[in-house]
Amino acid sequence: MPPAKKRARTYDPGRIRTAVLTQFGTVRQAVRTLTPEQLALPTRLGDWTVRDLVAHIGMVLGAVDRLLGEPEPESERRAGALLGWPHAIRADAADIAAHAHDLAERNPDLDAHLADVEHRFTARLDENPGTRLLATSAGALSLDDYLVTRTVELVVHTDDLNAAVPGLDLPYDRQALAACTRLLADTLAAKAPGGSTEVRIPPYAVVQCVEGPRHTRGTPPNVVETDPLTWIRLACGRSTWKDAVGEAKVSASGERADLGGLLPLLG
């Protein structure tokens, strides 16, 4: 008898909304303290400056406002569509970069920009149920599902800010970090289905992936283990598999434990 199909992971909508607003608020507070010199610093995102990055972070919530302003798609929400979002957003990277530069030029007062985005975002949430469908690049996603993708954007770009501005060290909301870790782990499992390799990202996620003999009991023959931020950096192209293993940030044992060819999931 074939194994039972794994149920899709679910997220608590209330906790996700709180996590998104908390992480965004952390960035807003930090932006108020950045000097013109700090805003002009380069980032690890190609030719993006910190100013470009902050402007783009505003669009993490602004995208919700924009999508809710469009007609609701007629297509039904497709099971598993949430896991297609990382691939879809990776394909849009060039357009996203151009939009970030444009936003930075049009919004010299970044604090006012973020305040306006947050106000419109919270108003939209009050007006729309979580089941409302959005026409995203990954297909029709419910508002609740799309907000899970916002935790990925916010955690990843908070990390980008920390890397760009010496001494910034912004914290990560626990719920946002957990959701981001889990969505990217599940995306890996969907990209490389199987049960031969167990990927452990304590304390938030454990998934099995990669074709091969399925593990049923005891210690799996192929195990990958790392911490949440290292996993997120790998999944989003901020770190390479070779570097992470070489720096002992990833433990990988077994002939099917090399995930380098499957990463990044989101660029």
C-alpha atoms as a PDB file:
ATOM      1  CA  MET A   1       0.000   0.000   0.000  1.00  0.00           C
ATOM      2  CA  PRO A   2       1.466   3.426  -0.936  1.00  0.00           C
ATOM      3  CA  PRO A   3       2.161   5.824   1.933  1.00  0.00           C
ATOM      4  CA  ALA A   4      -0.594   8.238   2.851  1.00  0.00           C
ATOM      5  CA  LYS A   5      -0.258  11.657   1.260  1.00  0.00           C
ATOM      6  CA  LYS A   6       1.125  14.189   3.680  1.00  0.00           C
ATOM      7  CA  ARG A   7      -1.306  16.899   4.709  1.00  0.00           C
ATOM      8  CA  ALA A   8      -0.359  20.454   3.835  1.00  0.00           C
ATOM      9  CA  ARG A   9       0.933  22.483   6.748  1.00  0.00           C
ATOM     10  CA  THR A  10      -1.490  25.025   8.187  1.00  0.00           C
ATOM     11  CA  TYR A  11      -0.728  28.345   9.848  1.00  0.00           C
ATOM     12  CA  ASP A  12      -2.658  30.254  12.488  1.00  0.00           C
ATOM     13  CA  PRO A  13      -3.961  33.374  10.675  1.00  0.00           C
ATOM     14  CA  GLY A  14      -4.041  35.535  13.809  1.00  0.00           C
ATOM     15  CA  ARG A  15      -0.468  34.706  14.734  1.00  0.00           C
ATOM     16  CA  ILE A  16       0.744  35.277  11.179  1.00  0.00           C
ATOM     17  CA  ARG A  17      -0.876  38.718  11.005  1.00  0.00           C
ATOM     18  CA  THR A  18       0.653  39.670  14.338  1.00  0.00           C
ATOM     19  CA  ALA A  19       4.049  38.358  13.248  1.00  0.00           C
ATOM     20  CA  VAL A  20       3.977  40.357  10.010  1.00  0.00           C
ATOM     21  CA  LEU A  21       3.111  43.596  11.792  1.00  0.00           C
ATOM     22  CA  THR A  22       5.644  42.967  14.558  1.00  0.00           C
ATOM     23  CA  GLN A  23       8.536  42.327  12.172  1.00  0.00           C
ATOM     24  CA  PHE A  24       7.559  45.280   9.994  1.00  0.00           C
ATOM     25  CA  GLY A  25       7.385  47.477  13.085  1.00  0.00           C
ATOM     26  CA  THR A  26      10.902  46.401  14.050  1.00  0.00           C
ATOM     27  CA  VAL A  27      12.176  47.578  10.679  1.00  0.00           C
ATOM     28  CA  ARG A  28      10.245  50.853  10.903  1.00  0.00           C
ATOM     29  CA  GLN A  29      11.797  51.712  14.243  1.00  0.00           C
ATOM     30  CA  ALA A  30      15.282  50.994  12.913  1.00  0.00           C
ATOM     31  CA  VAL A  31      14.796  53.076   9.774  1.00  0.00           C
ATOM     32  CA  ARG A  32      14.156  56.164  11.896  1.00  0.00           C
ATOM     33  CA  THR A  33      17.675  55.853  13.301  1.00  0.00           C
ATOM     34  CA  LEU A  34      19.568  55.348  10.027  1.00  0.00           C
ATOM     35  CA  THR A  35      21.767  58.191   8.843  1.00  0.00           C
ATOM     36  CA  PRO A  36      22.073  59.295   5.194  1.00  0.00           C
ATOM     37  CA  GLU A  37      25.465  57.597   5.131  1.00  0.00           C
ATOM     38  CA  GLN A  38      23.983  54.322   6.356  1.00  0.00           C
ATOM     39  CA  LEU A  39      21.137  54.512   3.839  1.00  0.00           C
ATOM     40  CA  ALA A  40      23.727  54.875   1.072  1.00  0.00           C
ATOM     41  CA  LEU A  41      25.597  51.724   2.101  1.00  0.00           C
ATOM     42  CA  PRO A  42      25.704  48.805  -0.370  1.00  0.00           C
ATOM     43  CA  THR A  43      23.852  45.574   0.368  1.00  0.00           C
ATOM     44  CA  ARG A  44      24.413  41.962  -0.663  1.00  0.00           C
ATOM     45  CA  LEU A  45      21.581  42.361  -3.207  1.00  0.00           C
ATOM     46  CA  GLY A  46      23.558  43.389  -6.265  1.00  0.00           C
ATOM     47  CA  ASP A  47      23.364  47.142  -6.817  1.00  0.00           C
ATOM     48  CA  TRP A  48      20.757  47.754  -4.102  1.00  0.00           C
ATOM     49  CA  THR A  49      21.613  50.312  -1.446  1.00  0.00           C
ATOM     50  CA  VAL A  50      20.139  50.216   2.040  1.00  0.00           C
ATOM     51  CA  ARG A  51      17.695  52.906   0.866  1.00  0.00           C
ATOM     52  CA  ASP A  52      16.540  50.646  -1.983  1.00  0.00           C
ATOM     53  CA  LEU A  53      16.173  47.749   0.433  1.00  0.00           C
ATOM     54  CA  VAL A  54      14.087  49.749   2.902  1.00  0.00           C
ATOM     55  CA  ALA A  55      11.841  51.017   0.098  1.00  0.00           C
ATOM     56  CA  HIS A  56      11.309  47.437  -1.032  1.00  0.00           C
ATOM     57  CA  ILE A  57      10.460  46.314   2.498  1.00  0.00           C
ATOM     58  CA  GLY A  58       7.603  48.785   2.330  1.00  0.00           C
ATOM     59  CA  MET A  59       6.287  46.913  -0.685  1.00  0.00           C
ATOM     60  CA  VAL A  60       6.217  43.670   1.307  1.00  0.00           C
ATOM     61  CA  LEU A  61       3.012  45.075   2.790  1.00  0.00           C
ATOM     62  CA  GLY A  62       2.236  47.306  -0.177  1.00  0.00           C
ATOM     63  CA  ALA A  63       1.806  44.230  -2.361  1.00  0.00           C
ATOM     64  CA  VAL A  64      -1.104  43.136  -0.167  1.00  0.00           C
ATOM     65  CA  ASP A  65      -2.806  46.495  -0.621  1.00  0.00           C
ATOM     66  CA  ARG A  66      -2.235  46.338  -4.391  1.00  0.00           C
ATOM     67  CA  LEU A  67      -3.526  42.780  -4.812  1.00  0.00           C
ATOM     68  CA  LEU A  68      -6.606  43.446  -2.705  1.00  0.00           C
ATOM     69  CA  GLY A  69      -7.339  46.394  -4.967  1.00  0.00           C
ATOM     70  CA  GLU A  70      -7.564  44.085  -7.975  1.00  0.00           C
ATOM     71  CA  PRO A  71     -10.568  41.898  -8.881  1.00  0.00           C
ATOM     72  CA  GLU A  72     -10.723  38.591  -7.088  1.00  0.00           C
ATOM     73  CA  PRO A  73      -9.542  35.803  -9.435  1.00  0.00           C
ATOM     74  CA  GLU A  74     -12.208  33.454 -10.722  1.00  0.00           C
ATOM     75  CA  SER A  75      -9.947  30.428 -10.387  1.00  0.00           C
ATOM     76  CA  GLU A  76     -10.164  28.436  -7.190  1.00  0.00           C
ATOM     77  CA  ARG A  77      -7.382  28.264  -4.643  1.00  0.00           C
ATOM     78  CA  ARG A  78      -5.179  25.353  -5.714  1.00  0.00           C
ATOM     79  CA  ALA A  79      -3.871  22.963  -3.080  1.00  0.00           C
ATOM     80  CA  GLY A  80      -0.139  23.406  -2.701  1.00  0.00           C
ATOM     81  CA  ALA A  81      -0.041  26.751  -4.497  1.00  0.00           C
ATOM     82  CA  LEU A  82       1.637  28.380  -1.506  1.00  0.00           C
ATOM     83  CA  LEU A  83       4.705  26.193  -2.068  1.00  0.00           C
ATOM     84  CA  GLY A  84       4.968  27.526  -5.628  1.00  0.00           C
ATOM     85  CA  TRP A  85       5.447  31.087  -4.414  1.00  0.00           C
ATOM     86  CA  PRO A  86       9.255  30.928  -3.860  1.00  0.00           C
ATOM     87  CA  HIS A  87       9.824  29.766  -7.445  1.00  0.00           C
ATOM     88  CA  ALA A  88       7.452  32.389  -8.854  1.00  0.00           C
ATOM     89  CA  ILE A  89       9.056  35.238  -6.922  1.00  0.00           C
ATOM     90  CA  ARG A  90      12.505  34.132  -8.052  1.00  0.00           C
ATOM     91  CA  ALA A  91      11.386  34.486 -11.667  1.00  0.00           C
ATOM     92  CA  ASP A  92      10.280  38.078 -10.953  1.00  0.00           C
ATOM     93  CA  ALA A  93      13.637  39.170  -9.480  1.00  0.00           C
ATOM     94  CA  ALA A  94      14.580  41.645 -12.244  1.00  0.00           C
ATOM     95  CA  ASP A  95      11.238  43.467 -12.107  1.00  0.00           C
ATOM     96  CA  ILE A  96      11.358  43.582  -8.305  1.00  0.00           C
ATOM     97  CA  ALA A  97      14.823  45.188  -8.371  1.00  0.00           C
ATOM     98  CA  ALA A  98      13.732  47.871 -10.837  1.00  0.00           C
ATOM     99  CA  HIS A  99      10.678  48.632  -8.715  1.00  0.00           C
ATOM    100  CA  ALA A 100      12.788  48.936  -5.568  1.00  0.00           C
ATOM    101  CA  HIS A 101      15.050  51.544  -7.176  1.00  0.00           C
ATOM    102  CA  ASP A 102      12.017  53.485  -8.400  1.00  0.00           C
ATOM    103  CA  LEU A 103      10.357  53.426  -4.980  1.00  0.00           C
ATOM    104  CA  ALA A 104      13.519  54.689  -3.300  1.00  0.00           C
ATOM    105  CA  GLU A 105      13.693  57.652  -5.681  1.00  0.00           C
ATOM    106  CA  ARG A 106      10.002  58.515  -5.275  1.00  0.00           C
ATOM    107  CA  ASN A 107      10.023  58.286  -1.476  1.00  0.00           C
ATOM    108  CA  PRO A 108      12.845  60.379   0.011  1.00  0.00           C
ATOM    109  CA  ASP A 109      11.106  60.248   3.410  1.00  0.00           C
ATOM    110  CA  LEU A 110      11.295  56.516   4.080  1.00  0.00           C
ATOM    111  CA  ASP A 111       9.636  56.712   7.491  1.00  0.00           C
ATOM    112  CA  ALA A 112       6.598  58.408   5.953  1.00  0.00           C
ATOM    113  CA  HIS A 113       6.584  55.802   3.177  1.00  0.00           C
ATOM    114  CA  LEU A 114       6.574  52.906   5.638  1.00  0.00           C
ATOM    115  CA  ALA A 115       3.941  54.580   7.816  1.00  0.00           C
ATOM    116  CA  ASP A 116       1.631  55.026   4.830  1.00  0.00           C
ATOM    117  CA  VAL A 117       2.140  51.444   3.689  1.00  0.00           C
ATOM    118  CA  GLU A 118       1.415  50.098   7.166  1.00  0.00           C
ATOM    119  CA  HIS A 119      -1.742  52.214   7.507  1.00  0.00           C
ATOM    120  CA  ARG A 120      -3.149  51.002   4.179  1.00  0.00           C
ATOM    121  CA  PHE A 121      -2.190  47.406   4.975  1.00  0.00           C
ATOM    122  CA  THR A 122      -3.991  47.337   8.331  1.00  0.00           C
ATOM    123  CA  ALA A 123      -7.050  48.985   6.777  1.00  0.00           C
ATOM    124  CA  ARG A 124      -7.162  46.297   4.083  1.00  0.00           C
ATOM    125  CA  LEU A 125      -6.936  43.533   6.676  1.00  0.00           C
ATOM    126  CA  ASP A 126      -9.913  44.980   8.521  1.00  0.00           C
ATOM    127  CA  GLU A 127     -11.940  45.062   5.300  1.00  0.00           C
ATOM    128  CA  ASN A 128     -11.219  41.586   3.917  1.00  0.00           C
ATOM    129  CA  PRO A 129     -11.642  38.011   5.178  1.00  0.00           C
ATOM    130  CA  GLY A 130      -8.679  35.673   5.170  1.00  0.00           C
ATOM    131  CA  THR A 131     -10.371  33.515   2.532  1.00  0.00           C
ATOM    132  CA  ARG A 132     -10.374  36.341  -0.011  1.00  0.00           C
ATOM    133  CA  LEU A 133      -8.382  35.194  -3.073  1.00  0.00           C
ATOM    134  CA  LEU A 134      -5.489  37.176  -4.523  1.00  0.00           C
ATOM    135  CA  ALA A 135      -4.157  36.889  -8.083  1.00  0.00           C
ATOM    136  CA  THR A 136      -0.453  36.372  -7.303  1.00  0.00           C
ATOM    137  CA  SER A 137       2.403  35.312  -9.564  1.00  0.00           C
ATOM    138  CA  ALA A 138       2.089  31.856  -7.967  1.00  0.00           C
ATOM    139  CA  GLY A 139      -1.596  31.639  -8.848  1.00  0.00           C
ATOM    140  CA  ALA A 140      -4.678  32.223  -6.721  1.00  0.00           C
ATOM    141  CA  LEU A 141      -3.736  32.385  -3.035  1.00  0.00           C
ATOM    142  CA  SER A 142      -5.965  33.218  -0.115  1.00  0.00           C
ATOM    143  CA  LEU A 143      -5.121  36.356   1.839  1.00  0.00           C
ATOM    144  CA  ASP A 144      -4.175  34.169   4.816  1.00  0.00           C
ATOM    145  CA  ASP A 145      -1.766  32.133   2.681  1.00  0.00           C
ATOM    146  CA  TYR A 146      -0.255  35.214   1.074  1.00  0.00           C
ATOM    147  CA  LEU A 147       0.464  36.700   4.485  1.00  0.00           C
ATOM    148  CA  VAL A 148       2.639  33.658   5.224  1.00  0.00           C
ATOM    149  CA  THR A 149       4.813  34.693   2.275  1.00  0.00           C
ATOM    150  CA  ARG A 150       5.153  38.122   3.895  1.00  0.00           C
ATOM    151  CA  THR A 151       6.943  36.528   6.843  1.00  0.00           C
ATOM    152  CA  VAL A 152       9.549  35.168   4.420  1.00  0.00           C
ATOM    153  CA  GLU A 153      10.089  38.565   2.806  1.00  0.00           C
ATOM    154  CA  LEU A 154      10.319  40.365   6.141  1.00  0.00           C
ATOM    155  CA  VAL A 155      12.662  37.907   7.843  1.00  0.00           C
ATOM    156  CA  VAL A 156      14.951  37.647   4.810  1.00  0.00           C
ATOM    157  CA  HIS A 157      15.156  41.408   4.323  1.00  0.00           C
ATOM    158  CA  THR A 158      15.616  42.079   8.032  1.00  0.00           C
ATOM    159  CA  ASP A 159      18.616  39.778   7.748  1.00  0.00           C
ATOM    160  CA  ASP A 160      19.777  41.722   4.679  1.00  0.00           C
ATOM    161  CA  LEU A 161      19.583  44.955   6.681  1.00  0.00           C
ATOM    162  CA  ASN A 162      21.553  43.442   9.538  1.00  0.00           C
ATOM    163  CA  ALA A 163      24.229  42.307   7.093  1.00  0.00           C
ATOM    164  CA  ALA A 164      24.438  45.732   5.409  1.00  0.00           C
ATOM    165  CA  VAL A 165      24.510  48.066   8.431  1.00  0.00           C
ATOM    166  CA  PRO A 166      27.268  47.318  10.958  1.00  0.00           C
ATOM    167  CA  GLY A 167      25.961  46.992  14.501  1.00  0.00           C
ATOM    168  CA  LEU A 168      22.260  47.094  13.571  1.00  0.00           C
ATOM    169  CA  ASP A 169      21.386  43.582  14.870  1.00  0.00           C
ATOM    170  CA  LEU A 170      17.593  43.766  14.468  1.00  0.00           C
ATOM    171  CA  PRO A 171      15.677  40.946  16.216  1.00  0.00           C
ATOM    172  CA  TYR A 172      13.446  38.421  14.463  1.00  0.00           C
ATOM    173  CA  ASP A 173       9.910  37.854  15.667  1.00  0.00           C
ATOM    174  CA  ARG A 174       9.677  34.211  16.736  1.00  0.00           C
ATOM    175  CA  GLN A 175       6.422  33.514  14.879  1.00  0.00           C
ATOM    176  CA  ALA A 176       7.720  35.192  11.719  1.00  0.00           C
ATOM    177  CA  LEU A 177      10.971  33.220  11.881  1.00  0.00           C
ATOM    178  CA  ALA A 178       9.081  29.968  12.436  1.00  0.00           C
ATOM    179  CA  ALA A 179       6.693  30.512   9.515  1.00  0.00           C
ATOM    180  CA  CYS A 180       9.516  31.554   7.200  1.00  0.00           C
ATOM    181  CA  THR A 181      11.577  28.482   8.133  1.00  0.00           C
ATOM    182  CA  ARG A 182       8.643  26.099   7.696  1.00  0.00           C
ATOM    183  CA  LEU A 183       7.472  27.458   4.349  1.00  0.00           C
ATOM    184  CA  LEU A 184      10.968  27.212   2.867  1.00  0.00           C
ATOM    185  CA  ALA A 185      11.486  23.717   4.314  1.00  0.00           C
ATOM    186  CA  ASP A 186       8.190  22.528   2.851  1.00  0.00           C
ATOM    187  CA  THR A 187       9.153  24.108  -0.476  1.00  0.00           C
ATOM    188  CA  LEU A 188      12.315  21.993  -0.519  1.00  0.00           C
ATOM    189  CA  ALA A 189      10.293  18.864   0.206  1.00  0.00           C
ATOM    190  CA  ALA A 190       7.936  19.725  -2.660  1.00  0.00           C
ATOM    191  CA  LYS A 191      10.820  20.441  -5.034  1.00  0.00           C
ATOM    192  CA  ALA A 192      12.619  17.178  -4.245  1.00  0.00           C
ATOM    193  CA  PRO A 193       9.920  14.751  -3.070  1.00  0.00           C
ATOM    194  CA  GLY A 194      11.045  11.575  -1.374  1.00  0.00           C
ATOM    195  CA  GLY A 195      11.894  10.103   1.974  1.00  0.00           C
ATOM    196  CA  SER A 196      15.599   9.280   1.879  1.00  0.00           C
ATOM    197  CA  THR A 197      16.895  12.477   3.510  1.00  0.00           C
ATOM    198  CA  GLU A 198      15.715  14.142   6.687  1.00  0.00           C
ATOM    199  CA  VAL A 199      16.272  17.891   7.001  1.00  0.00           C
ATOM    200  CA  ARG A 200      16.138  19.162  10.570  1.00  0.00           C
ATOM    201  CA  ILE A 201      15.881  22.859  11.389  1.00  0.00           C
ATOM    202  CA  PRO A 202      15.254  22.966  15.134  1.00  0.00           C
ATOM    203  CA  PRO A 203      13.139  24.120  16.771  1.00  0.00           C
ATOM    204  CA  TYR A 204      10.802  24.864  13.851  1.00  0.00           C
ATOM    205  CA  ALA A 205      10.828  22.225  11.123  1.00  0.00           C
ATOM    206  CA  VAL A 206      11.675  18.663  10.104  1.00  0.00           C
ATOM    207  CA  VAL A 207      10.980  17.483   6.545  1.00  0.00           C
ATOM    208  CA  GLN A 208      11.866  14.461   4.465  1.00  0.00           C
ATOM    209  CA  CYS A 209      12.897  14.830   0.848  1.00  0.00           C
ATOM    210  CA  VAL A 210      15.003  13.425  -2.023  1.00  0.00           C
ATOM    211  CA  GLU A 211      14.203  10.230  -3.893  1.00  0.00           C
ATOM    212  CA  GLY A 212      15.644   6.994  -2.576  1.00  0.00           C
ATOM    213  CA  PRO A 213      14.991   4.373   0.099  1.00  0.00           C
ATOM    214  CA  ARG A 214      12.377   5.680   2.507  1.00  0.00           C
ATOM    215  CA  HIS A 215      13.369   5.858   6.150  1.00  0.00           C
ATOM    216  CA  THR A 216      10.841   4.264   8.516  1.00  0.00           C
ATOM    217  CA  ARG A 217      12.443   3.931  11.962  1.00  0.00           C
ATOM    218  CA  GLY A 218      15.597   4.678  13.904  1.00  0.00           C
ATOM    219  CA  THR A 219      18.212   7.189  12.776  1.00  0.00           C
ATOM    220  CA  PRO A 220      17.817   8.124   9.085  1.00  0.00           C
ATOM    221  CA  PRO A 221      20.811   7.238   6.857  1.00  0.00           C
ATOM    222  CA  ASN A 222      20.878  10.762   5.394  1.00  0.00           C
ATOM    223  CA  VAL A 223      20.506  13.710   7.750  1.00  0.00           C
ATOM    224  CA  VAL A 224      20.941  17.448   7.310  1.00  0.00           C
ATOM    225  CA  GLU A 225      20.722  19.741  10.325  1.00  0.00           C
ATOM    226  CA  THR A 226      21.154  23.481  10.658  1.00  0.00           C
ATOM    227  CA  ASP A 227      19.771  26.513  12.479  1.00  0.00           C
ATOM    228  CA  PRO A 228      16.866  28.616  11.147  1.00  0.00           C
ATOM    229  CA  LEU A 229      18.871  31.633   9.936  1.00  0.00           C
ATOM    230  CA  THR A 230      21.471  29.497   8.173  1.00  0.00           C
ATOM    231  CA  TRP A 231      18.669  27.549   6.492  1.00  0.00           C
ATOM    232  CA  ILE A 232      16.932  30.751   5.377  1.00  0.00           C
ATOM    233  CA  ARG A 233      20.188  32.160   3.990  1.00  0.00           C
ATOM    234  CA  LEU A 234      20.764  28.947   2.041  1.00  0.00           C
ATOM    235  CA  ALA A 235      17.197  28.774   0.753  1.00  0.00           C
ATOM    236  CA  CYS A 236      17.278  32.412  -0.364  1.00  0.00           C
ATOM    237  CA  GLY A 237      20.731  32.473  -1.918  1.00  0.00           C
ATOM    238  CA  ARG A 238      22.448  34.564   0.746  1.00  0.00           C
ATOM    239  CA  SER A 239      24.864  31.733   1.514  1.00  0.00           C
ATOM    240  CA  THR A 240      26.150  28.779  -0.490  1.00  0.00           C
ATOM    241  CA  TRP A 241      25.934  25.161   0.544  1.00  0.00           C
ATOM    242  CA  LYS A 242      29.701  24.759   0.228  1.00  0.00           C
ATOM    243  CA  ASP A 243      30.411  27.723   2.495  1.00  0.00           C
ATOM    244  CA  ALA A 244      27.826  26.723   5.108  1.00  0.00           C
ATOM    245  CA  VAL A 245      29.188  23.179   5.327  1.00  0.00           C
ATOM    246  CA  GLY A 246      32.789  24.412   5.359  1.00  0.00           C
ATOM    247  CA  GLU A 247      32.026  26.807   8.209  1.00  0.00           C
ATOM    248  CA  ALA A 248      30.277  24.004  10.162  1.00  0.00           C
ATOM    249  CA  LYS A 249      26.963  25.838  10.042  1.00  0.00           C
ATOM    250  CA  VAL A 250      25.394  22.771   8.445  1.00  0.00           C
ATOM    251  CA  SER A 251      25.803  19.144   9.522  1.00  0.00           C
ATOM    252  CA  ALA A 252      25.276  16.758   6.603  1.00  0.00           C
ATOM    253  CA  SER A 253      25.742  12.979   6.779  1.00  0.00           C
ATOM    254  CA  GLY A 254      24.932  10.319   4.192  1.00  0.00           C
ATOM    255  CA  GLU A 255      25.350   9.978   0.435  1.00  0.00           C
ATOM    256  CA  ARG A 256      22.064  11.804  -0.247  1.00  0.00           C
ATOM    257  CA  ALA A 257      22.656  14.630   2.225  1.00  0.00           C
ATOM    258  CA  ASP A 258      24.202  17.089  -0.247  1.00  0.00           C
ATOM    259  CA  LEU A 259      21.466  19.654  -0.949  1.00  0.00           C
ATOM    260  CA  GLY A 260      23.708  22.040  -2.869  1.00  0.00           C
ATOM    261  CA  GLY A 261      22.101  21.222  -6.210  1.00  0.00           C
ATOM    262  CA  LEU A 262      18.608  21.998  -4.894  1.00  0.00           C
ATOM    263  CA  LEU A 263      19.397  25.428  -3.460  1.00  0.00           C
ATOM    264  CA  PRO A 264      18.593  28.267  -3.493  1.00  0.00           C
ATOM    265  CA  LEU A 265      14.810  28.030  -3.561  1.00  0.00           C
ATOM    266  CA  LEU A 266      14.306  31.792  -3.716  1.00  0.00           C
ATOM    267  CA  GLY A 267      16.885  34.172  -5.132  1.00  0.00           C
END
